[in-house]
Amino acid sequence: MLMAFGRPAEMTPQQKLGYGYLTGMMPLHMAATEEIAKLQISKGAGLNVRVTSGPHKGKIPLDGFVGSNDGKHTEITAYLRKHGGKIWQELKAERAK
């Protein structure tokens, strides 16, 4: 299946984290449901991890969910907020204090 998407058959541990090795995104950035987000967070996924490379550089998981405006991510957004998730502008403002 990996080769079907043009991904290398042999991957580094970082690449095994998922699609993020192509986009710089981590699994929590792409959680499709609240249940998936809960599972990832329970396993140690960072709530406020920034994408370090690629087209989504600088984004935090909540940035994508808040900005989607499709109504499908309301539950994930509320869950991340409840557990300390922030958007990049909020983190930037906190660091400036």
Protein backbone atom coordinates (compact mmCIF):
# COMPACT_ATOMS: atom_id res chain seq x y z
CA MET A 1 0.00 0.00 0.00
CA LEU A 2 2.84 2.41 0.69
CA MET A 3 4.15 2.15 -2.84
CA ALA A 4 0.70 2.88 -4.24
CA PHE A 5 1.05 6.40 -2.89
CA GLY A 6 4.64 6.77 -4.03
CA ARG A 7 6.02 6.50 -0.51
CA PRO A 8 9.23 4.61 0.18
CA ALA A 9 8.95 1.00 1.29
CA GLU A 10 11.58 1.59 3.98
CA MET A 11 10.71 4.40 6.37
CA THR A 12 12.51 6.05 9.27
CA PRO A 13 10.79 6.06 12.69
CA GLN A 14 9.71 9.64 12.03
CA GLN A 15 8.14 8.65 8.74
CA LYS A 16 6.23 5.85 10.41
CA LEU A 17 4.26 8.51 12.27
CA GLY A 18 2.19 8.83 9.13
CA TYR A 19 1.48 11.20 6.30
CA GLY A 20 3.20 13.94 8.26
CA TYR A 21 6.56 13.10 6.75
CA LEU A 22 5.32 14.49 3.43
CA THR A 23 3.54 17.55 4.78
CA GLY A 24 5.27 18.18 8.10
CA MET A 25 1.97 17.40 9.82
CA MET A 26 1.53 15.02 12.73
CA PRO A 27 -1.41 12.60 13.14
CA LEU A 28 -3.37 14.93 15.43
CA HIS A 29 -3.37 17.56 12.69
CA MET A 30 -5.40 15.11 10.60
CA ALA A 31 -7.71 13.51 13.19
CA ALA A 32 -11.05 12.91 11.50
CA THR A 33 -13.16 12.35 14.61
CA GLU A 34 -13.18 13.25 18.28
CA GLU A 35 -12.53 9.59 19.11
CA ILE A 36 -9.36 9.57 17.03
CA ALA A 37 -8.21 12.81 18.66
CA LYS A 38 -8.87 11.33 22.13
CA LEU A 39 -6.88 8.22 21.28
CA GLN A 40 -3.96 10.20 19.91
CA ILE A 41 -3.88 12.51 22.94
CA SER A 42 -4.09 9.55 25.33
CA LYS A 43 -1.01 8.14 23.58
CA GLY A 44 0.94 11.36 24.01
CA ALA A 45 0.15 13.45 20.94
CA GLY A 46 1.00 17.10 21.56
CA LEU A 47 -1.97 19.45 21.54
CA ASN A 48 0.01 22.44 20.39
CA VAL A 49 2.69 20.92 18.15
CA ARG A 50 3.60 23.15 15.22
CA VAL A 51 4.18 21.86 11.72
CA THR A 52 7.87 22.51 11.03
CA SER A 53 7.99 22.12 7.26
CA GLY A 54 5.93 21.83 4.13
CA PRO A 55 2.86 23.72 2.96
CA HIS A 56 1.30 23.81 6.45
CA LYS A 57 4.39 25.16 8.23
CA GLY A 58 3.54 26.91 11.49
CA LYS A 59 0.09 25.36 11.86
CA ILE A 60 -1.07 23.77 15.11
CA PRO A 61 -3.78 21.06 15.16
CA LEU A 62 -6.48 23.45 16.35
CA ASP A 63 -5.67 25.92 13.55
CA GLY A 64 -6.92 23.46 10.95
CA PHE A 65 -10.05 22.47 12.82
CA VAL A 66 -11.09 26.03 13.68
CA GLY A 67 -10.39 27.22 10.15
CA SER A 68 -12.30 24.45 8.37
CA ASN A 69 -15.75 26.08 8.72
CA ASP A 70 -17.38 22.90 7.45
CA GLY A 71 -19.20 22.08 10.70
CA LYS A 72 -17.59 18.64 10.85
CA HIS A 73 -14.92 19.50 13.40
CA THR A 74 -16.98 21.15 16.15
CA GLU A 75 -16.54 18.22 18.53
CA ILE A 76 -12.79 17.90 17.92
CA THR A 77 -12.37 21.66 18.36
CA ALA A 78 -14.27 21.61 21.68
CA TYR A 79 -12.28 18.60 22.90
CA LEU A 80 -8.91 20.12 22.03
CA ARG A 81 -9.91 23.43 23.64
CA LYS A 82 -11.06 21.62 26.79
CA HIS A 83 -7.67 19.92 27.10
CA GLY A 84 -5.53 23.00 26.45
CA GLY A 85 -5.43 23.20 22.67
CA LYS A 86 -4.83 26.67 21.28
CA ILE A 87 -4.52 28.33 17.91
CA TRP A 88 -1.15 29.72 16.84
CA GLN A 89 -2.17 33.35 17.46
CA GLU A 90 -3.03 32.52 21.10
CA LEU A 91 0.31 30.80 21.69
CA LYS A 92 2.14 33.67 20.02
CA ALA A 93 0.37 36.20 22.28
CA GLU A 94 1.24 34.15 25.38
CA ARG A 95 4.91 34.02 24.41
CA ALA A 96 4.99 37.78 23.88
CA LYS A 97 4.00 38.44 27.51
